[in-house]
Amino acid sequence: MELPLESVALYALKLAYESEGSSPILRDDPAMSDYQRDVFAFDLRKGDIDAIQDKIERCVALALDALGGAQTVMGRELQKLAAGFSNAQTPEQMHPALLTLKDYLKDVQ
C-alpha cells in the first residue's frame, strides 16, 4: 500500500507545484521527503493511520487549491474522493479509496 500512498502524494504535489516549462517533480524531489514510500511504510508498521491520513490530506488540500477550490466541479469530486479515504479506519478500508484518489489525481494532472 506504500506505493499508492506515495503516488497520491506525488500526483497532488505535481498538480500543485509543477508548472509548464519547469523541471518535473519526481519521487526523489525534496518536496517528496515526507511522502516517500519508506516513510509511509514506517507509519503503516506503527499502525499510525492518523499520520498517514494527515499527510495525504495536506497533499489533497494543495491539489484542491490548484484545481480552484471546492466550488469547482473537479474540486468537489476531489473532496468526495478524499472523504472516502479520510473516513477509513484501517489500511484495508483505505486501500480502495486510495486507489480511486490516485487515479483521479493522475487523470487531472
PDB file of N, CA and C in Angstrom:
ATOM      1  N   MET A   1       0.810  -1.196   0.000  1.00  0.00           N
ATOM      2  CA  MET A   1       0.000   0.000   0.000  1.00  0.00           C
ATOM      3  C   MET A   1       0.860   1.269   0.000  1.00  0.00           C
ATOM      4  N   GLU A   2       2.140   1.129   0.282  1.00  0.00           N
ATOM      5  CA  GLU A   2       3.011   2.306   0.332  1.00  0.00           C
ATOM      6  C   GLU A   2       3.115   2.996  -1.029  1.00  0.00           C
ATOM      7  N   LEU A   3       3.156   2.200  -2.099  1.00  0.00           N
ATOM      8  CA  LEU A   3       3.291   2.789  -3.429  1.00  0.00           C
ATOM      9  C   LEU A   3       2.092   3.666  -3.795  1.00  0.00           C
ATOM     10  N   PRO A   4       0.847   3.230  -3.595  1.00  0.00           N
ATOM     11  CA  PRO A   4      -0.277   4.137  -3.896  1.00  0.00           C
ATOM     12  C   PRO A   4      -0.284   5.391  -3.019  1.00  0.00           C
ATOM     13  N   LEU A   5       0.142   5.272  -1.771  1.00  0.00           N
ATOM     14  CA  LEU A   5       0.222   6.456  -0.907  1.00  0.00           C
ATOM     15  C   LEU A   5       1.228   7.448  -1.477  1.00  0.00           C
ATOM     16  N   GLU A   6       2.392   6.948  -1.852  1.00  0.00           N
ATOM     17  CA  GLU A   6       3.417   7.806  -2.436  1.00  0.00           C
ATOM     18  C   GLU A   6       2.926   8.403  -3.755  1.00  0.00           C
ATOM     19  N   SER A   7       2.196   7.616  -4.535  1.00  0.00           N
ATOM     20  CA  SER A   7       1.686   8.101  -5.824  1.00  0.00           C
ATOM     21  C   SER A   7       0.659   9.207  -5.652  1.00  0.00           C
ATOM     22  N   VAL A   8      -0.232   9.062  -4.682  1.00  0.00           N
ATOM     23  CA  VAL A   8      -1.222  10.117  -4.419  1.00  0.00           C
ATOM     24  C   VAL A   8      -0.498  11.410  -4.058  1.00  0.00           C
ATOM     25  N   ALA A   9       0.482  11.309  -3.178  1.00  0.00           N
ATOM     26  CA  ALA A   9       1.241  12.498  -2.790  1.00  0.00           C
ATOM     27  C   ALA A   9       1.956  13.102  -4.000  1.00  0.00           C
ATOM     28  N   LEU A  10       2.571  12.264  -4.806  1.00  0.00           N
ATOM     29  CA  LEU A  10       3.305  12.747  -5.974  1.00  0.00           C
ATOM     30  C   LEU A  10       2.376  13.466  -6.951  1.00  0.00           C
ATOM     31  N   TYR A  11       1.256  12.855  -7.287  1.00  0.00           N
ATOM     32  CA  TYR A  11       0.335  13.480  -8.246  1.00  0.00           C
ATOM     33  C   TYR A  11      -0.258  14.774  -7.693  1.00  0.00           C
ATOM     34  N   ALA A  12      -0.540  14.797  -6.401  1.00  0.00           N
ATOM     35  CA  ALA A  12      -1.077  16.020  -5.793  1.00  0.00           C
ATOM     36  C   ALA A  12      -0.041  17.138  -5.832  1.00  0.00           C
ATOM     37  N   LEU A  13       1.197  16.817  -5.484  1.00  0.00           N
ATOM     38  CA  LEU A  13       2.253  17.833  -5.490  1.00  0.00           C
ATOM     39  C   LEU A  13       2.579  18.284  -6.912  1.00  0.00           C
ATOM     40  N   LYS A  14       2.518  17.381  -7.867  1.00  0.00           N
ATOM     41  CA  LYS A  14       2.716  17.765  -9.271  1.00  0.00           C
ATOM     42  C   LYS A  14       1.650  18.765  -9.687  1.00  0.00           C
ATOM     43  N   LEU A  15       0.411  18.471  -9.326  1.00  0.00           N
ATOM     44  CA  LEU A  15      -0.694  19.353  -9.670  1.00  0.00           C
ATOM     45  C   LEU A  15      -0.525  20.725  -9.029  1.00  0.00           C
ATOM     46  N   ALA A  16      -0.057  20.731  -7.782  1.00  0.00           N
ATOM     47  CA  ALA A  16       0.072  21.986  -7.045  1.00  0.00           C
ATOM     48  C   ALA A  16       1.300  22.801  -7.450  1.00  0.00           C
ATOM     49  N   TYR A  17       2.409  22.133  -7.719  1.00  0.00           N
ATOM     50  CA  TYR A  17       3.665  22.867  -7.859  1.00  0.00           C
ATOM     51  C   TYR A  17       4.320  22.830  -9.233  1.00  0.00           C
ATOM     52  N   GLU A  18       3.971  21.866 -10.054  1.00  0.00           N
ATOM     53  CA  GLU A  18       4.628  21.776 -11.349  1.00  0.00           C
ATOM     54  C   GLU A  18       4.057  22.794 -12.309  1.00  0.00           C
ATOM     55  N   SER A  19       4.920  23.511 -12.962  1.00  0.00           N
ATOM     56  CA  SER A  19       4.455  24.478 -13.950  1.00  0.00           C
ATOM     57  C   SER A  19       5.074  24.137 -15.301  1.00  0.00           C
ATOM     58  N   GLU A  20       4.405  24.573 -16.330  1.00  0.00           N
ATOM     59  CA  GLU A  20       4.882  24.287 -17.673  1.00  0.00           C
ATOM     60  C   GLU A  20       6.249  24.916 -17.885  1.00  0.00           C
ATOM     61  N   GLY A  21       7.146  24.136 -18.433  1.00  0.00           N
ATOM     62  CA  GLY A  21       8.486  24.626 -18.705  1.00  0.00           C
ATOM     63  C   GLY A  21       9.462  24.453 -17.552  1.00  0.00           C
ATOM     64  N   SER A  22       8.980  24.008 -16.403  1.00  0.00           N
ATOM     65  CA  SER A  22       9.883  23.805 -15.268  1.00  0.00           C
ATOM     66  C   SER A  22      10.231  22.322 -15.156  1.00  0.00           C
ATOM     67  N   SER A  23      11.161  22.026 -14.304  1.00  0.00           N
ATOM     68  CA  SER A  23      11.543  20.636 -14.084  1.00  0.00           C
ATOM     69  C   SER A  23      10.386  19.895 -13.426  1.00  0.00           C
ATOM     70  N   PRO A  24      10.150  18.673 -13.849  1.00  0.00           N
ATOM     71  CA  PRO A  24       9.052  17.918 -13.237  1.00  0.00           C
ATOM     72  C   PRO A  24       9.407  17.473 -11.819  1.00  0.00           C
ATOM     73  N   ILE A  25       8.382  17.336 -11.000  1.00  0.00           N
ATOM     74  CA  ILE A  25       8.580  16.796  -9.657  1.00  0.00           C
ATOM     75  C   ILE A  25       8.639  15.277  -9.787  1.00  0.00           C
ATOM     76  N   LEU A  26       9.691  14.712  -9.247  1.00  0.00           N
ATOM     77  CA  LEU A  26       9.889  13.266  -9.288  1.00  0.00           C
ATOM     78  C   LEU A  26       9.867  12.711  -7.871  1.00  0.00           C
ATOM     79  N   ARG A  27       9.840  11.408  -7.763  1.00  0.00           N
ATOM     80  CA  ARG A  27       9.759  10.769  -6.444  1.00  0.00           C
ATOM     81  C   ARG A  27      10.939  11.133  -5.539  1.00  0.00           C
ATOM     82  N   ASP A  28      12.097  11.460  -6.109  1.00  0.00           N
ATOM     83  CA  ASP A  28      13.263  11.801  -5.289  1.00  0.00           C
ATOM     84  C   ASP A  28      13.412  13.307  -5.075  1.00  0.00           C
ATOM     85  N   ASP A  29      12.398  14.070  -5.467  1.00  0.00           N
ATOM     86  CA  ASP A  29      12.406  15.515  -5.289  1.00  0.00           C
ATOM     87  C   ASP A  29      12.342  15.850  -3.797  1.00  0.00           C
ATOM     88  N   PRO A  30      13.014  16.905  -3.356  1.00  0.00           N
ATOM     89  CA  PRO A  30      12.943  17.289  -1.940  1.00  0.00           C
ATOM     90  C   PRO A  30      11.510  17.538  -1.442  1.00  0.00           C
ATOM     91  N   ALA A  31      10.604  17.963  -2.330  1.00  0.00           N
ATOM     92  CA  ALA A  31       9.208  18.181  -1.925  1.00  0.00           C
ATOM     93  C   ALA A  31       8.550  16.884  -1.480  1.00  0.00           C
ATOM     94  N   MET A  32       9.118  15.751  -1.889  1.00  0.00           N
ATOM     95  CA  MET A  32       8.548  14.446  -1.563  1.00  0.00           C
ATOM     96  C   MET A  32       9.150  13.834  -0.297  1.00  0.00           C
ATOM     97  N   SER A  33      10.003  14.546   0.392  1.00  0.00           N
ATOM     98  CA  SER A  33      10.732  13.947   1.518  1.00  0.00           C
ATOM     99  C   SER A  33       9.821  13.360   2.594  1.00  0.00           C
ATOM    100  N   ASP A  34       8.717  13.995   2.902  1.00  0.00           N
ATOM    101  CA  ASP A  34       7.796  13.473   3.922  1.00  0.00           C
ATOM    102  C   ASP A  34       6.787  12.493   3.352  1.00  0.00           C
ATOM    103  N   TYR A  35       6.824  12.272   2.045  1.00  0.00           N
ATOM    104  CA  TYR A  35       5.793  11.482   1.380  1.00  0.00           C
ATOM    105  C   TYR A  35       6.373  10.309   0.602  1.00  0.00           C
ATOM    106  N   GLN A  36       7.564   9.880   0.957  1.00  0.00           N
ATOM    107  CA  GLN A  36       8.192   8.768   0.256  1.00  0.00           C
ATOM    108  C   GLN A  36       7.678   7.438   0.788  1.00  0.00           C
ATOM    109  N   ARG A  37       7.829   6.443  -0.043  1.00  0.00           N
ATOM    110  CA  ARG A  37       7.322   5.100   0.250  1.00  0.00           C
ATOM    111  C   ARG A  37       7.799   4.582   1.600  1.00  0.00           C
ATOM    112  N   ASP A  38       9.078   4.769   1.924  1.00  0.00           N
ATOM    113  CA  ASP A  38       9.597   4.246   3.183  1.00  0.00           C
ATOM    114  C   ASP A  38       9.017   4.966   4.396  1.00  0.00           C
ATOM    115  N   VAL A  39       8.692   6.243   4.233  1.00  0.00           N
ATOM    116  CA  VAL A  39       8.054   6.993   5.326  1.00  0.00           C
ATOM    117  C   VAL A  39       6.650   6.441   5.578  1.00  0.00           C
ATOM    118  N   PHE A  40       5.909   6.213   4.493  1.00  0.00           N
ATOM    119  CA  PHE A  40       4.578   5.626   4.642  1.00  0.00           C
ATOM    120  C   PHE A  40       4.658   4.204   5.192  1.00  0.00           C
ATOM    121  N   ALA A  41       5.668   3.440   4.780  1.00  0.00           N
ATOM    122  CA  ALA A  41       5.833   2.075   5.286  1.00  0.00           C
ATOM    123  C   ALA A  41       6.058   2.084   6.795  1.00  0.00           C
ATOM    124  N   PHE A  42       6.859   3.028   7.251  1.00  0.00           N
ATOM    125  CA  PHE A  42       7.109   3.158   8.685  1.00  0.00           C
ATOM    126  C   PHE A  42       5.817   3.471   9.436  1.00  0.00           C
ATOM    127  N   ASP A  43       5.025   4.413   8.911  1.00  0.00           N
ATOM    128  CA  ASP A  43       3.753   4.765   9.554  1.00  0.00           C
ATOM    129  C   ASP A  43       2.791   3.579   9.551  1.00  0.00           C
ATOM    130  N   LEU A  44       2.777   2.820   8.473  1.00  0.00           N
ATOM    131  CA  LEU A  44       1.915   1.644   8.408  1.00  0.00           C
ATOM    132  C   LEU A  44       2.339   0.585   9.421  1.00  0.00           C
ATOM    133  N   ARG A  45       3.645   0.364   9.537  1.00  0.00           N
ATOM    134  CA  ARG A  45       4.138  -0.616  10.519  1.00  0.00           C
ATOM    135  C   ARG A  45       3.773  -0.204  11.938  1.00  0.00           C
ATOM    136  N   LYS A  46       3.809   1.097  12.204  1.00  0.00           N
ATOM    137  CA  LYS A  46       3.436   1.604  13.530  1.00  0.00           C
ATOM    138  C   LYS A  46       1.929   1.568  13.726  1.00  0.00           C
ATOM    139  N   GLY A  47       1.178   1.418  12.626  1.00  0.00           N
ATOM    140  CA  GLY A  47      -0.281   1.460  12.711  1.00  0.00           C
ATOM    141  C   GLY A  47      -0.803   2.870  12.890  1.00  0.00           C
ATOM    142  N   ASP A  48      -0.032   3.848  12.453  1.00  0.00           N
ATOM    143  CA  ASP A  48      -0.392   5.256  12.641  1.00  0.00           C
ATOM    144  C   ASP A  48      -1.248   5.764  11.471  1.00  0.00           C
ATOM    145  N   ILE A  49      -2.497   5.344  11.469  1.00  0.00           N
ATOM    146  CA  ILE A  49      -3.442   5.713  10.411  1.00  0.00           C
ATOM    147  C   ILE A  49      -3.640   7.233  10.383  1.00  0.00           C
ATOM    148  N   ASP A  50      -3.697   7.847  11.555  1.00  0.00           N
ATOM    149  CA  ASP A  50      -3.892   9.304  11.622  1.00  0.00           C
ATOM    150  C   ASP A  50      -2.769  10.064  10.924  1.00  0.00           C
ATOM    151  N   ALA A  51      -1.534   9.633  11.115  1.00  0.00           N
ATOM    152  CA  ALA A  51      -0.399  10.296  10.466  1.00  0.00           C
ATOM    153  C   ALA A  51      -0.478  10.152   8.951  1.00  0.00           C
ATOM    154  N   ILE A  52      -0.853   8.971   8.500  1.00  0.00           N
ATOM    155  CA  ILE A  52      -0.977   8.728   7.063  1.00  0.00           C
ATOM    156  C   ILE A  52      -2.075   9.610   6.482  1.00  0.00           C
ATOM    157  N   GLN A  53      -3.213   9.617   7.140  1.00  0.00           N
ATOM    158  CA  GLN A  53      -4.333  10.424   6.649  1.00  0.00           C
ATOM    159  C   GLN A  53      -3.990  11.906   6.665  1.00  0.00           C
ATOM    160  N   ASP A  54      -3.278  12.347   7.689  1.00  0.00           N
ATOM    161  CA  ASP A  54      -2.883  13.750   7.768  1.00  0.00           C
ATOM    162  C   ASP A  54      -1.967  14.133   6.604  1.00  0.00           C
ATOM    163  N   LYS A  55      -1.001  13.279   6.298  1.00  0.00           N
ATOM    164  CA  LYS A  55      -0.078  13.569   5.191  1.00  0.00           C
ATOM    165  C   LYS A  55      -0.824  13.645   3.862  1.00  0.00           C
ATOM    166  N   ILE A  56      -1.711  12.702   3.632  1.00  0.00           N
ATOM    167  CA  ILE A  56      -2.465  12.687   2.376  1.00  0.00           C
ATOM    168  C   ILE A  56      -3.427  13.872   2.325  1.00  0.00           C
ATOM    169  N   GLU A  57      -4.047  14.210   3.439  1.00  0.00           N
ATOM    170  CA  GLU A  57      -4.960  15.362   3.473  1.00  0.00           C
ATOM    171  C   GLU A  57      -4.235  16.667   3.147  1.00  0.00           C
ATOM    172  N   ARG A  58      -2.985  16.806   3.611  1.00  0.00           N
ATOM    173  CA  ARG A  58      -2.207  18.007   3.279  1.00  0.00           C
ATOM    174  C   ARG A  58      -1.941  18.087   1.782  1.00  0.00           C
ATOM    175  N   CYS A  59      -1.615  16.961   1.181  1.00  0.00           N
ATOM    176  CA  CYS A  59      -1.376  16.928  -0.272  1.00  0.00           C
ATOM    177  C   CYS A  59      -2.658  17.212  -1.045  1.00  0.00           C
ATOM    178  N   VAL A  60      -3.754  16.627  -0.598  1.00  0.00           N
ATOM    179  CA  VAL A  60      -5.041  16.845  -1.269  1.00  0.00           C
ATOM    180  C   VAL A  60      -5.452  18.309  -1.160  1.00  0.00           C
ATOM    181  N   ALA A  61      -5.182  18.933  -0.026  1.00  0.00           N
ATOM    182  CA  ALA A  61      -5.518  20.356   0.139  1.00  0.00           C
ATOM    183  C   ALA A  61      -4.748  21.215  -0.871  1.00  0.00           C
ATOM    184  N   LEU A  62      -3.493  20.885  -1.101  1.00  0.00           N
ATOM    185  CA  LEU A  62      -2.705  21.611  -2.102  1.00  0.00           C
ATOM    186  C   LEU A  62      -3.276  21.399  -3.503  1.00  0.00           C
ATOM    187  N   ALA A  63      -3.632  20.165  -3.801  1.00  0.00           N
ATOM    188  CA  ALA A  63      -4.224  19.852  -5.109  1.00  0.00           C
ATOM    189  C   ALA A  63      -5.564  20.554  -5.270  1.00  0.00           C
ATOM    190  N   LEU A  64      -6.348  20.601  -4.206  1.00  0.00           N
ATOM    191  CA  LEU A  64      -7.653  21.270  -4.249  1.00  0.00           C
ATOM    192  C   LEU A  64      -7.486  22.749  -4.576  1.00  0.00           C
ATOM    193  N   ASP A  65      -6.520  23.391  -3.962  1.00  0.00           N
ATOM    194  CA  ASP A  65      -6.232  24.800  -4.283  1.00  0.00           C
ATOM    195  C   ASP A  65      -5.835  24.953  -5.748  1.00  0.00           C
ATOM    196  N   ALA A  66      -5.025  24.024  -6.248  1.00  0.00           N
ATOM    197  CA  ALA A  66      -4.586  24.091  -7.644  1.00  0.00           C
ATOM    198  C   ALA A  66      -5.752  23.910  -8.611  1.00  0.00           C
ATOM    199  N   LEU A  67      -6.783  23.196  -8.172  1.00  0.00           N
ATOM    200  CA  LEU A  67      -7.964  22.981  -9.015  1.00  0.00           C
ATOM    201  C   LEU A  67      -8.974  24.114  -8.923  1.00  0.00           C
ATOM    202  N   GLY A  68      -8.692  25.103  -8.099  1.00  0.00           N
ATOM    203  CA  GLY A  68      -9.591  26.240  -7.983  1.00  0.00           C
ATOM    204  C   GLY A  68     -10.523  26.187  -6.795  1.00  0.00           C
ATOM    205  N   GLY A  69     -10.296  25.245  -5.900  1.00  0.00           N
ATOM    206  CA  GLY A  69     -11.082  25.170  -4.675  1.00  0.00           C
ATOM    207  C   GLY A  69     -12.258  24.213  -4.763  1.00  0.00           C
ATOM    208  N   ALA A  70     -12.974  24.150  -3.653  1.00  0.00           N
ATOM    209  CA  ALA A  70     -14.084  23.205  -3.515  1.00  0.00           C
ATOM    210  C   ALA A  70     -15.311  23.602  -4.310  1.00  0.00           C
ATOM    211  N   GLN A  71     -15.360  24.813  -4.812  1.00  0.00           N
ATOM    212  CA  GLN A  71     -16.536  25.262  -5.554  1.00  0.00           C
ATOM    213  C   GLN A  71     -16.491  24.852  -7.028  1.00  0.00           C
ATOM    214  N   THR A  72     -15.361  24.320  -7.496  1.00  0.00           N
ATOM    215  CA  THR A  72     -15.275  23.857  -8.879  1.00  0.00           C
ATOM    216  C   THR A  72     -15.736  22.405  -8.965  1.00  0.00           C
ATOM    217  N   VAL A  73     -16.089  21.991 -10.156  1.00  0.00           N
ATOM    218  CA  VAL A  73     -16.539  20.613 -10.359  1.00  0.00           C
ATOM    219  C   VAL A  73     -15.435  19.623  -9.982  1.00  0.00           C
ATOM    220  N   MET A  74     -14.223  19.880 -10.465  1.00  0.00           N
ATOM    221  CA  MET A  74     -13.119  18.973 -10.140  1.00  0.00           C
ATOM    222  C   MET A  74     -12.776  19.019  -8.654  1.00  0.00           C
ATOM    223  N   GLY A  75     -12.892  20.180  -8.056  1.00  0.00           N
ATOM    224  CA  GLY A  75     -12.629  20.304  -6.629  1.00  0.00           C
ATOM    225  C   GLY A  75     -13.626  19.533  -5.787  1.00  0.00           C
ATOM    226  N   ARG A  76     -14.891  19.613  -6.157  1.00  0.00           N
ATOM    227  CA  ARG A  76     -15.911  18.857  -5.420  1.00  0.00           C
ATOM    228  C   ARG A  76     -15.675  17.360  -5.543  1.00  0.00           C
ATOM    229  N   GLU A  77     -15.320  16.910  -6.727  1.00  0.00           N
ATOM    230  CA  GLU A  77     -15.045  15.484  -6.928  1.00  0.00           C
ATOM    231  C   GLU A  77     -13.832  15.044  -6.111  1.00  0.00           C
ATOM    232  N   LEU A  78     -12.807  15.869  -6.104  1.00  0.00           N
ATOM    233  CA  LEU A  78     -11.622  15.551  -5.311  1.00  0.00           C
ATOM    234  C   LEU A  78     -11.977  15.464  -3.833  1.00  0.00           C
ATOM    235  N   GLN A  79     -12.778  16.390  -3.352  1.00  0.00           N
ATOM    236  CA  GLN A  79     -13.192  16.350  -1.939  1.00  0.00           C
ATOM    237  C   GLN A  79     -13.979  15.087  -1.623  1.00  0.00           C
ATOM    238  N   LYS A  80     -14.856  14.701  -2.526  1.00  0.00           N
ATOM    239  CA  LYS A  80     -15.658  13.488  -2.314  1.00  0.00           C
ATOM    240  C   LYS A  80     -14.757  12.259  -2.226  1.00  0.00           C
ATOM    241  N   LEU A  81     -13.797  12.160  -3.134  1.00  0.00           N
ATOM    242  CA  LEU A  81     -12.884  11.021  -3.119  1.00  0.00           C
ATOM    243  C   LEU A  81     -11.978  11.040  -1.886  1.00  0.00           C
ATOM    244  N   ALA A  82     -11.532  12.209  -1.499  1.00  0.00           N
ATOM    245  CA  ALA A  82     -10.677  12.334  -0.320  1.00  0.00           C
ATOM    246  C   ALA A  82     -11.438  11.983   0.956  1.00  0.00           C
ATOM    247  N   ALA A  83     -12.727  12.296   0.997  1.00  0.00           N
ATOM    248  CA  ALA A  83     -13.533  11.965   2.182  1.00  0.00           C
ATOM    249  C   ALA A  83     -13.598  10.457   2.382  1.00  0.00           C
ATOM    250  N   GLY A  84     -13.704   9.715   1.283  1.00  0.00           N
ATOM    251  CA  GLY A  84     -13.710   8.256   1.394  1.00  0.00           C
ATOM    252  C   GLY A  84     -12.434   7.735   2.012  1.00  0.00           C
ATOM    253  N   PHE A  85     -11.321   8.348   1.669  1.00  0.00           N
ATOM    254  CA  PHE A  85     -10.039   7.960   2.253  1.00  0.00           C
ATOM    255  C   PHE A  85      -9.955   8.385   3.715  1.00  0.00           C
ATOM    256  N   SER A  86     -10.387   9.597   4.006  1.00  0.00           N
ATOM    257  CA  SER A  86     -10.289  10.130   5.379  1.00  0.00           C
ATOM    258  C   SER A  86     -11.186   9.397   6.365  1.00  0.00           C
ATOM    259  N   ASN A  87     -12.274   8.836   5.885  1.00  0.00           N
ATOM    260  CA  ASN A  87     -13.209   8.128   6.768  1.00  0.00           C
ATOM    261  C   ASN A  87     -12.778   6.704   7.081  1.00  0.00           C
ATOM    262  N   ALA A  88     -11.778   6.208   6.399  1.00  0.00           N
ATOM    263  CA  ALA A  88     -11.310   4.838   6.619  1.00  0.00           C
ATOM    264  C   ALA A  88     -10.669   4.715   8.004  1.00  0.00           C
ATOM    265  N   GLN A  89     -10.896   3.567   8.614  1.00  0.00           N
ATOM    266  CA  GLN A  89     -10.358   3.317   9.949  1.00  0.00           C
ATOM    267  C   GLN A  89      -9.176   2.350   9.961  1.00  0.00           C
ATOM    268  N   THR A  90      -9.013   1.602   8.863  1.00  0.00           N
ATOM    269  CA  THR A  90      -7.941   0.614   8.772  1.00  0.00           C
ATOM    270  C   THR A  90      -7.270   0.728   7.402  1.00  0.00           C
ATOM    271  N   PRO A  91      -6.056   0.191   7.275  1.00  0.00           N
ATOM    272  CA  PRO A  91      -5.407   0.191   5.954  1.00  0.00           C
ATOM    273  C   PRO A  91      -6.248  -0.539   4.899  1.00  0.00           C
ATOM    274  N   GLU A  92      -6.921  -1.579   5.306  1.00  0.00           N
ATOM    275  CA  GLU A  92      -7.756  -2.331   4.374  1.00  0.00           C
ATOM    276  C   GLU A  92      -8.908  -1.477   3.846  1.00  0.00           C
ATOM    277  N   GLN A  93      -9.456  -0.622   4.677  1.00  0.00           N
ATOM    278  CA  GLN A  93     -10.525   0.285   4.260  1.00  0.00           C
ATOM    279  C   GLN A  93      -9.972   1.440   3.433  1.00  0.00           C
ATOM    280  N   MET A  94      -8.740   1.850   3.721  1.00  0.00           N
ATOM    281  CA  MET A  94      -8.130   2.959   2.989  1.00  0.00           C
ATOM    282  C   MET A  94      -7.774   2.581   1.559  1.00  0.00           C
ATOM    283  N   HIS A  95      -7.391   1.339   1.359  1.00  0.00           N
ATOM    284  CA  HIS A  95      -6.811   0.936   0.082  1.00  0.00           C
ATOM    285  C   HIS A  95      -7.700   1.222  -1.134  1.00  0.00           C
ATOM    286  N   PRO A  96      -8.979   0.799  -1.178  1.00  0.00           N
ATOM    287  CA  PRO A  96      -9.788   1.092  -2.371  1.00  0.00           C
ATOM    288  C   PRO A  96      -9.985   2.593  -2.606  1.00  0.00           C
ATOM    289  N   ALA A  97     -10.211   3.339  -1.532  1.00  0.00           N
ATOM    290  CA  ALA A  97     -10.391   4.790  -1.662  1.00  0.00           C
ATOM    291  C   ALA A  97      -9.093   5.442  -2.138  1.00  0.00           C
ATOM    292  N   LEU A  98      -7.978   4.940  -1.681  1.00  0.00           N
ATOM    293  CA  LEU A  98      -6.677   5.454  -2.073  1.00  0.00           C
ATOM    294  C   LEU A  98      -6.431   5.242  -3.567  1.00  0.00           C
ATOM    295  N   LEU A  99      -6.761   4.063  -4.069  1.00  0.00           N
ATOM    296  CA  LEU A  99      -6.567   3.783  -5.490  1.00  0.00           C
ATOM    297  C   LEU A  99      -7.439   4.688  -6.357  1.00  0.00           C
ATOM    298  N   THR A 100      -8.665   4.925  -5.934  1.00  0.00           N
ATOM    299  CA  THR A 100      -9.554   5.815  -6.678  1.00  0.00           C
ATOM    300  C   THR A 100      -9.019   7.241  -6.668  1.00  0.00           C
ATOM    301  N   LEU A 101      -8.560   7.681  -5.518  1.00  0.00           N
ATOM    302  CA  LEU A 101      -7.980   9.017  -5.378  1.00  0.00           C
ATOM    303  C   LEU A 101      -6.732   9.160  -6.253  1.00  0.00           C
ATOM    304  N   LYS A 102      -5.894   8.153  -6.242  1.00  0.00           N
ATOM    305  CA  LYS A 102      -4.669   8.169  -7.073  1.00  0.00           C
ATOM    306  C   LYS A 102      -5.015   8.288  -8.553  1.00  0.00           C
ATOM    307  N   ASP A 103      -5.963   7.477  -9.009  1.00  0.00           N
ATOM    308  CA  ASP A 103      -6.349   7.503 -10.421  1.00  0.00           C
ATOM    309  C   ASP A 103      -6.929   8.863 -10.815  1.00  0.00           C
ATOM    310  N   TYR A 104      -7.724   9.447  -9.926  1.00  0.00           N
ATOM    311  CA  TYR A 104      -8.308  10.762 -10.225  1.00  0.00           C
ATOM    312  C   TYR A 104      -7.230  11.828 -10.342  1.00  0.00           C
ATOM    313  N   LEU A 105      -6.328  11.875  -9.392  1.00  0.00           N
ATOM    314  CA  LEU A 105      -5.255  12.875  -9.433  1.00  0.00           C
ATOM    315  C   LEU A 105      -4.358  12.688 -10.650  1.00  0.00           C
ATOM    316  N   LYS A 106      -4.099  11.449 -11.000  1.00  0.00           N
ATOM    317  CA  LYS A 106      -3.277  11.179 -12.184  1.00  0.00           C
ATOM    318  C   LYS A 106      -3.976  11.697 -13.437  1.00  0.00           C
ATOM    319  N   ASP A 107      -5.270  11.441 -13.551  1.00  0.00           N
ATOM    320  CA  ASP A 107      -6.030  11.899 -14.715  1.00  0.00           C
ATOM    321  C   ASP A 107      -6.126  13.419 -14.794  1.00  0.00           C
ATOM    322  N   VAL A 108      -6.280  14.058 -13.649  1.00  0.00           N
ATOM    323  CA  VAL A 108      -6.459  15.515 -13.613  1.00  0.00           C
ATOM    324  C   VAL A 108      -5.164  16.242 -13.944  1.00  0.00           C
ATOM    325  N   GLN A 109      -4.067  15.721 -13.485  1.00  0.00           N
ATOM    326  CA  GLN A 109      -2.802  16.441 -13.690  1.00  0.00           C
ATOM    327  C   GLN A 109      -2.401  16.345 -15.128  1.00  0.00           C
TER     328      GLN A 109
END
